[in-house]
Structure formats: structure tokens, C-alpha cells
Amino acid sequence: MASLKAGMVMKHNHQKVVILQTGLSSEGAEAVKIARLSTRRPAGSARSVEAKTWAGVYWIPLDQVSVVKAAGVVYAATGPGRVSKETLKEVLKEVGGTSG
């Protein structure tokens, strides 16, 4: 598997996700912290971070952050490719964590 880096946009369970943190482990396997990447702003008072990319504006819902096995994360053949370091730092600040 190719090296995963924080900020990359990938797919997990057929949904676009952004990798927030690498270098974790789950059940003895390499793991990553991910968050769903949505084209729609979350409704109501749900907390989220706006991610402006070359492909458009996306939203990262802060209540949909999870740690998953890295083997379950695959490359997304569509944009935006990655989110900015500033956006990544803002998400990590909100959910707690550091970039890896």
C-alpha cells in the first residue's frame, strides 16, 4: 500500500473521506483517523469545518471522525485530491489531535 499522508482525500466504505492523522494502530494493524468529506453543509447546529479546494467547497462534519484500519482506505479517483494544511489544522484543533 502506498504511503498515506494527512490531508489526502480517499474513500472508505464508498464515501469520500479526508485523512486527519496517520501513524495510529487498531487491533495490531496500521490505522488512520478520518472524517467524512461532504459537498453539503451539515444541517442545524452540527459542527463542521469548511474546506475550500480547487474542486469546490466541501464540509468536514466534526461528529463523523473515526479511526479505521488503513487497509480499508482506498484512493479516490476524483477531486479534490487533498485539503489544505490550514483546514487540516482547524479540524484537528476542533476534534483534538495532531497531524501525522
N, C-alpha and C. Protein backbone atom coordinates (compact mmCIF):
# COMPACT_ATOMS: atom_id res chain seq x y z
N MET A 1 0.85 -1.18 0.00
CA MET A 1 0.00 0.00 0.00
C MET A 1 0.89 1.24 0.00
N ALA A 2 0.51 2.22 -0.77
CA ALA A 2 1.26 3.47 -0.82
C ALA A 2 1.14 4.21 0.50
N SER A 3 2.08 5.08 0.74
CA SER A 3 2.09 5.85 1.98
C SER A 3 0.91 6.80 2.05
N LEU A 4 0.20 6.77 3.16
CA LEU A 4 -0.92 7.68 3.39
C LEU A 4 -0.40 8.90 4.13
N LYS A 5 -0.92 10.06 3.76
CA LYS A 5 -0.49 11.31 4.39
C LYS A 5 -1.70 12.10 4.84
N ALA A 6 -1.54 12.82 5.94
CA ALA A 6 -2.62 13.67 6.45
C ALA A 6 -3.00 14.70 5.39
N GLY A 7 -4.29 14.88 5.21
CA GLY A 7 -4.80 15.84 4.24
C GLY A 7 -5.26 15.21 2.94
N MET A 8 -4.85 13.96 2.68
CA MET A 8 -5.25 13.27 1.45
C MET A 8 -6.74 12.96 1.47
N VAL A 9 -7.38 13.09 0.31
CA VAL A 9 -8.78 12.70 0.17
C VAL A 9 -8.80 11.29 -0.40
N MET A 10 -9.46 10.39 0.30
CA MET A 10 -9.51 8.98 -0.07
C MET A 10 -10.97 8.53 -0.02
N LYS A 11 -11.19 7.23 -0.11
CA LYS A 11 -12.54 6.67 0.06
C LYS A 11 -12.49 5.59 1.11
N HIS A 12 -13.56 5.54 1.92
CA HIS A 12 -13.75 4.49 2.92
C HIS A 12 -15.23 4.15 2.91
N ASN A 13 -15.55 2.89 2.74
CA ASN A 13 -16.96 2.46 2.63
C ASN A 13 -17.71 3.26 1.57
N HIS A 14 -17.08 3.48 0.44
CA HIS A 14 -17.67 4.17 -0.72
C HIS A 14 -18.00 5.64 -0.46
N GLN A 15 -17.42 6.24 0.56
CA GLN A 15 -17.63 7.66 0.83
C GLN A 15 -16.28 8.38 0.82
N LYS A 16 -16.30 9.63 0.33
CA LYS A 16 -15.07 10.43 0.36
C LYS A 16 -14.76 10.79 1.81
N VAL A 17 -13.49 10.62 2.16
CA VAL A 17 -13.02 10.98 3.49
C VAL A 17 -11.70 11.72 3.36
N VAL A 18 -11.35 12.45 4.40
CA VAL A 18 -10.05 13.10 4.45
C VAL A 18 -9.27 12.46 5.59
N ILE A 19 -8.00 12.17 5.35
CA ILE A 19 -7.15 11.60 6.39
C ILE A 19 -6.70 12.73 7.30
N LEU A 20 -7.02 12.59 8.58
CA LEU A 20 -6.66 13.62 9.56
C LEU A 20 -5.34 13.31 10.25
N GLN A 21 -5.08 12.03 10.51
CA GLN A 21 -3.89 11.65 11.27
C GLN A 21 -3.46 10.25 10.86
N THR A 22 -2.16 10.06 10.74
CA THR A 22 -1.60 8.75 10.40
C THR A 22 -0.76 8.25 11.57
N GLY A 23 -0.23 7.04 11.44
CA GLY A 23 0.67 6.51 12.47
C GLY A 23 -0.05 5.93 13.67
N LEU A 24 -1.33 5.62 13.54
CA LEU A 24 -2.10 5.04 14.63
C LEU A 24 -2.16 3.53 14.44
N SER A 25 -2.69 2.80 15.45
CA SER A 25 -2.88 1.37 15.28
C SER A 25 -4.24 0.97 15.83
N SER A 26 -4.82 -0.06 15.23
CA SER A 26 -6.11 -0.60 15.64
C SER A 26 -6.05 -2.11 15.51
N GLU A 27 -6.23 -2.81 16.61
CA GLU A 27 -6.19 -4.27 16.62
C GLU A 27 -4.90 -4.80 16.00
N GLY A 28 -3.80 -4.14 16.29
CA GLY A 28 -2.49 -4.58 15.80
C GLY A 28 -2.17 -4.20 14.36
N ALA A 29 -3.07 -3.49 13.70
CA ALA A 29 -2.85 -3.09 12.30
C ALA A 29 -2.68 -1.58 12.21
N GLU A 30 -2.04 -1.14 11.13
CA GLU A 30 -1.88 0.30 10.89
C GLU A 30 -3.26 0.93 10.74
N ALA A 31 -3.45 2.10 11.35
CA ALA A 31 -4.74 2.77 11.29
C ALA A 31 -4.56 4.26 11.03
N VAL A 32 -5.64 4.90 10.62
CA VAL A 32 -5.65 6.34 10.36
C VAL A 32 -6.93 6.94 10.94
N LYS A 33 -6.84 8.22 11.31
CA LYS A 33 -8.03 8.96 11.75
C LYS A 33 -8.59 9.65 10.52
N ILE A 34 -9.89 9.45 10.26
CA ILE A 34 -10.52 10.02 9.08
C ILE A 34 -11.78 10.79 9.46
N ALA A 35 -12.22 11.63 8.54
CA ALA A 35 -13.50 12.33 8.67
C ALA A 35 -14.15 12.36 7.30
N ARG A 36 -15.47 12.26 7.27
CA ARG A 36 -16.20 12.29 6.00
C ARG A 36 -16.06 13.66 5.37
N LEU A 37 -16.05 13.69 4.06
CA LEU A 37 -15.95 14.93 3.28
C LEU A 37 -17.26 15.04 2.50
N SER A 38 -18.01 16.11 2.75
CA SER A 38 -19.33 16.27 2.16
C SER A 38 -19.42 17.54 1.32
N THR A 39 -20.25 17.50 0.28
CA THR A 39 -20.48 18.70 -0.52
C THR A 39 -21.61 19.54 0.07
N ARG A 40 -22.28 19.01 1.08
CA ARG A 40 -23.38 19.73 1.72
C ARG A 40 -23.01 20.16 3.13
N ARG A 41 -23.39 21.37 3.47
CA ARG A 41 -23.17 21.86 4.83
C ARG A 41 -24.10 21.10 5.77
N PRO A 42 -23.59 20.63 6.91
CA PRO A 42 -24.45 19.91 7.85
C PRO A 42 -25.61 20.79 8.32
N ALA A 43 -26.76 20.17 8.49
CA ALA A 43 -27.97 20.89 8.90
C ALA A 43 -27.93 21.23 10.39
N GLY A 44 -28.70 22.24 10.73
CA GLY A 44 -28.86 22.60 12.14
C GLY A 44 -27.58 23.09 12.78
N SER A 45 -27.39 22.65 14.00
CA SER A 45 -26.24 23.13 14.78
C SER A 45 -25.06 22.16 14.75
N ALA A 46 -25.06 21.21 13.82
CA ALA A 46 -23.95 20.26 13.71
C ALA A 46 -22.66 21.02 13.40
N ARG A 47 -21.61 20.72 14.17
CA ARG A 47 -20.33 21.39 13.98
C ARG A 47 -19.60 20.83 12.76
N SER A 48 -18.99 21.73 12.00
CA SER A 48 -18.24 21.31 10.81
C SER A 48 -17.20 22.36 10.47
N VAL A 49 -16.28 21.98 9.60
CA VAL A 49 -15.24 22.90 9.12
C VAL A 49 -15.37 22.97 7.60
N GLU A 50 -15.33 24.18 7.07
CA GLU A 50 -15.41 24.38 5.63
C GLU A 50 -14.03 24.12 5.01
N ALA A 51 -14.02 23.39 3.90
CA ALA A 51 -12.77 23.08 3.20
C ALA A 51 -12.89 23.56 1.76
N LYS A 52 -12.24 24.68 1.46
CA LYS A 52 -12.25 25.21 0.09
C LYS A 52 -11.11 24.57 -0.68
N THR A 53 -11.45 23.96 -1.82
CA THR A 53 -10.45 23.28 -2.65
C THR A 53 -10.58 23.75 -4.09
N TRP A 54 -9.67 23.31 -4.95
CA TRP A 54 -9.74 23.65 -6.36
C TRP A 54 -10.99 23.06 -7.00
N ALA A 55 -11.54 21.99 -6.42
CA ALA A 55 -12.70 21.31 -6.99
C ALA A 55 -14.02 21.85 -6.45
N GLY A 56 -13.96 22.77 -5.49
CA GLY A 56 -15.18 23.33 -4.92
C GLY A 56 -15.10 23.42 -3.41
N VAL A 57 -16.25 23.70 -2.80
CA VAL A 57 -16.32 23.82 -1.35
C VAL A 57 -16.87 22.53 -0.77
N TYR A 58 -16.19 22.01 0.23
CA TYR A 58 -16.61 20.79 0.93
C TYR A 58 -16.77 21.12 2.41
N TRP A 59 -17.43 20.23 3.13
CA TRP A 59 -17.61 20.37 4.57
C TRP A 59 -17.11 19.11 5.25
N ILE A 60 -16.46 19.29 6.38
CA ILE A 60 -15.97 18.17 7.18
C ILE A 60 -16.76 18.17 8.48
N PRO A 61 -17.77 17.27 8.60
CA PRO A 61 -18.57 17.20 9.82
C PRO A 61 -17.72 16.68 10.98
N LEU A 62 -17.66 17.42 12.06
CA LEU A 62 -16.79 17.05 13.17
C LEU A 62 -17.33 15.89 13.99
N ASP A 63 -18.61 15.57 13.82
CA ASP A 63 -19.18 14.44 14.55
C ASP A 63 -19.00 13.12 13.79
N GLN A 64 -18.32 13.15 12.66
CA GLN A 64 -18.12 11.94 11.86
C GLN A 64 -16.63 11.63 11.70
N VAL A 65 -15.89 11.77 12.79
CA VAL A 65 -14.46 11.45 12.82
C VAL A 65 -14.31 10.07 13.44
N SER A 66 -13.49 9.22 12.82
CA SER A 66 -13.28 7.88 13.36
C SER A 66 -11.87 7.39 13.03
N VAL A 67 -11.45 6.36 13.76
CA VAL A 67 -10.17 5.70 13.50
C VAL A 67 -10.49 4.37 12.83
N VAL A 68 -9.90 4.14 11.66
CA VAL A 68 -10.15 2.91 10.89
C VAL A 68 -8.82 2.29 10.47
N LYS A 69 -8.87 1.02 10.12
CA LYS A 69 -7.67 0.35 9.61
C LYS A 69 -7.29 0.97 8.27
N ALA A 70 -6.02 1.24 8.10
CA ALA A 70 -5.53 1.88 6.88
C ALA A 70 -5.82 1.04 5.64
N ALA A 71 -5.87 -0.28 5.79
CA ALA A 71 -6.13 -1.15 4.65
C ALA A 71 -7.53 -0.94 4.08
N GLY A 72 -8.46 -0.39 4.87
CA GLY A 72 -9.82 -0.15 4.40
C GLY A 72 -10.00 1.18 3.70
N VAL A 73 -8.92 1.96 3.60
CA VAL A 73 -8.98 3.27 2.94
C VAL A 73 -8.34 3.13 1.56
N VAL A 74 -9.08 3.54 0.52
CA VAL A 74 -8.59 3.39 -0.85
C VAL A 74 -8.54 4.75 -1.54
N TYR A 75 -7.78 4.81 -2.62
CA TYR A 75 -7.65 6.07 -3.37
C TYR A 75 -8.96 6.46 -4.02
N ALA A 76 -9.27 7.75 -3.97
CA ALA A 76 -10.42 8.30 -4.67
C ALA A 76 -9.92 8.85 -6.00
N ALA A 77 -10.51 8.40 -7.08
CA ALA A 77 -10.06 8.82 -8.41
C ALA A 77 -10.68 10.15 -8.84
N THR A 78 -11.32 10.83 -7.91
CA THR A 78 -11.96 12.11 -8.21
C THR A 78 -11.36 13.20 -7.33
N GLY A 79 -11.67 14.47 -7.64
CA GLY A 79 -11.18 15.59 -6.84
C GLY A 79 -11.77 15.58 -5.46
N PRO A 80 -11.26 16.35 -4.57
CA PRO A 80 -10.25 17.38 -4.74
C PRO A 80 -8.81 16.93 -4.53
N GLY A 81 -8.55 15.70 -4.16
CA GLY A 81 -7.18 15.24 -4.01
C GLY A 81 -6.63 15.40 -2.61
N ARG A 82 -6.72 16.62 -2.07
CA ARG A 82 -6.30 16.86 -0.68
C ARG A 82 -6.90 18.16 -0.19
N VAL A 83 -6.89 18.33 1.13
CA VAL A 83 -7.34 19.58 1.72
C VAL A 83 -6.11 20.35 2.19
N SER A 84 -6.26 21.64 2.37
CA SER A 84 -5.12 22.48 2.75
C SER A 84 -4.66 22.18 4.18
N LYS A 85 -3.41 22.51 4.45
CA LYS A 85 -2.86 22.32 5.79
C LYS A 85 -3.63 23.15 6.81
N GLU A 86 -4.07 24.34 6.42
CA GLU A 86 -4.82 25.20 7.33
C GLU A 86 -6.14 24.55 7.73
N THR A 87 -6.84 23.96 6.75
CA THR A 87 -8.10 23.27 7.04
C THR A 87 -7.85 22.08 7.94
N LEU A 88 -6.82 21.31 7.64
CA LEU A 88 -6.47 20.15 8.44
C LEU A 88 -6.18 20.55 9.89
N LYS A 89 -5.41 21.61 10.08
CA LYS A 89 -5.09 22.08 11.43
C LYS A 89 -6.35 22.51 12.18
N GLU A 90 -7.28 23.17 11.47
CA GLU A 90 -8.52 23.61 12.10
C GLU A 90 -9.37 22.42 12.56
N VAL A 91 -9.47 21.40 11.72
CA VAL A 91 -10.25 20.21 12.08
C VAL A 91 -9.62 19.52 13.28
N LEU A 92 -8.30 19.33 13.26
CA LEU A 92 -7.61 18.67 14.37
C LEU A 92 -7.74 19.45 15.66
N LYS A 93 -7.73 20.77 15.57
CA LYS A 93 -7.91 21.61 16.75
C LYS A 93 -9.29 21.38 17.35
N GLU A 94 -10.30 21.27 16.49
CA GLU A 94 -11.68 21.08 16.95
C GLU A 94 -11.93 19.70 17.55
N VAL A 95 -11.34 18.65 16.96
CA VAL A 95 -11.59 17.29 17.44
C VAL A 95 -10.52 16.79 18.40
N GLY A 96 -9.42 17.51 18.49
CA GLY A 96 -8.33 17.09 19.35
C GLY A 96 -7.44 16.11 18.61
N GLY A 97 -6.18 16.40 18.51
CA GLY A 97 -5.25 15.52 17.79
C GLY A 97 -4.16 16.34 17.14
N THR A 98 -3.21 15.64 16.56
CA THR A 98 -2.12 16.30 15.86
C THR A 98 -1.99 15.69 14.49
N SER A 99 -1.41 16.43 13.58
CA SER A 99 -1.23 15.87 12.23
C SER A 99 -0.07 14.90 12.24
N GLY A 100 -0.14 13.90 11.33
CA GLY A 100 0.92 12.90 11.31
C GLY A 100 1.49 12.71 9.95
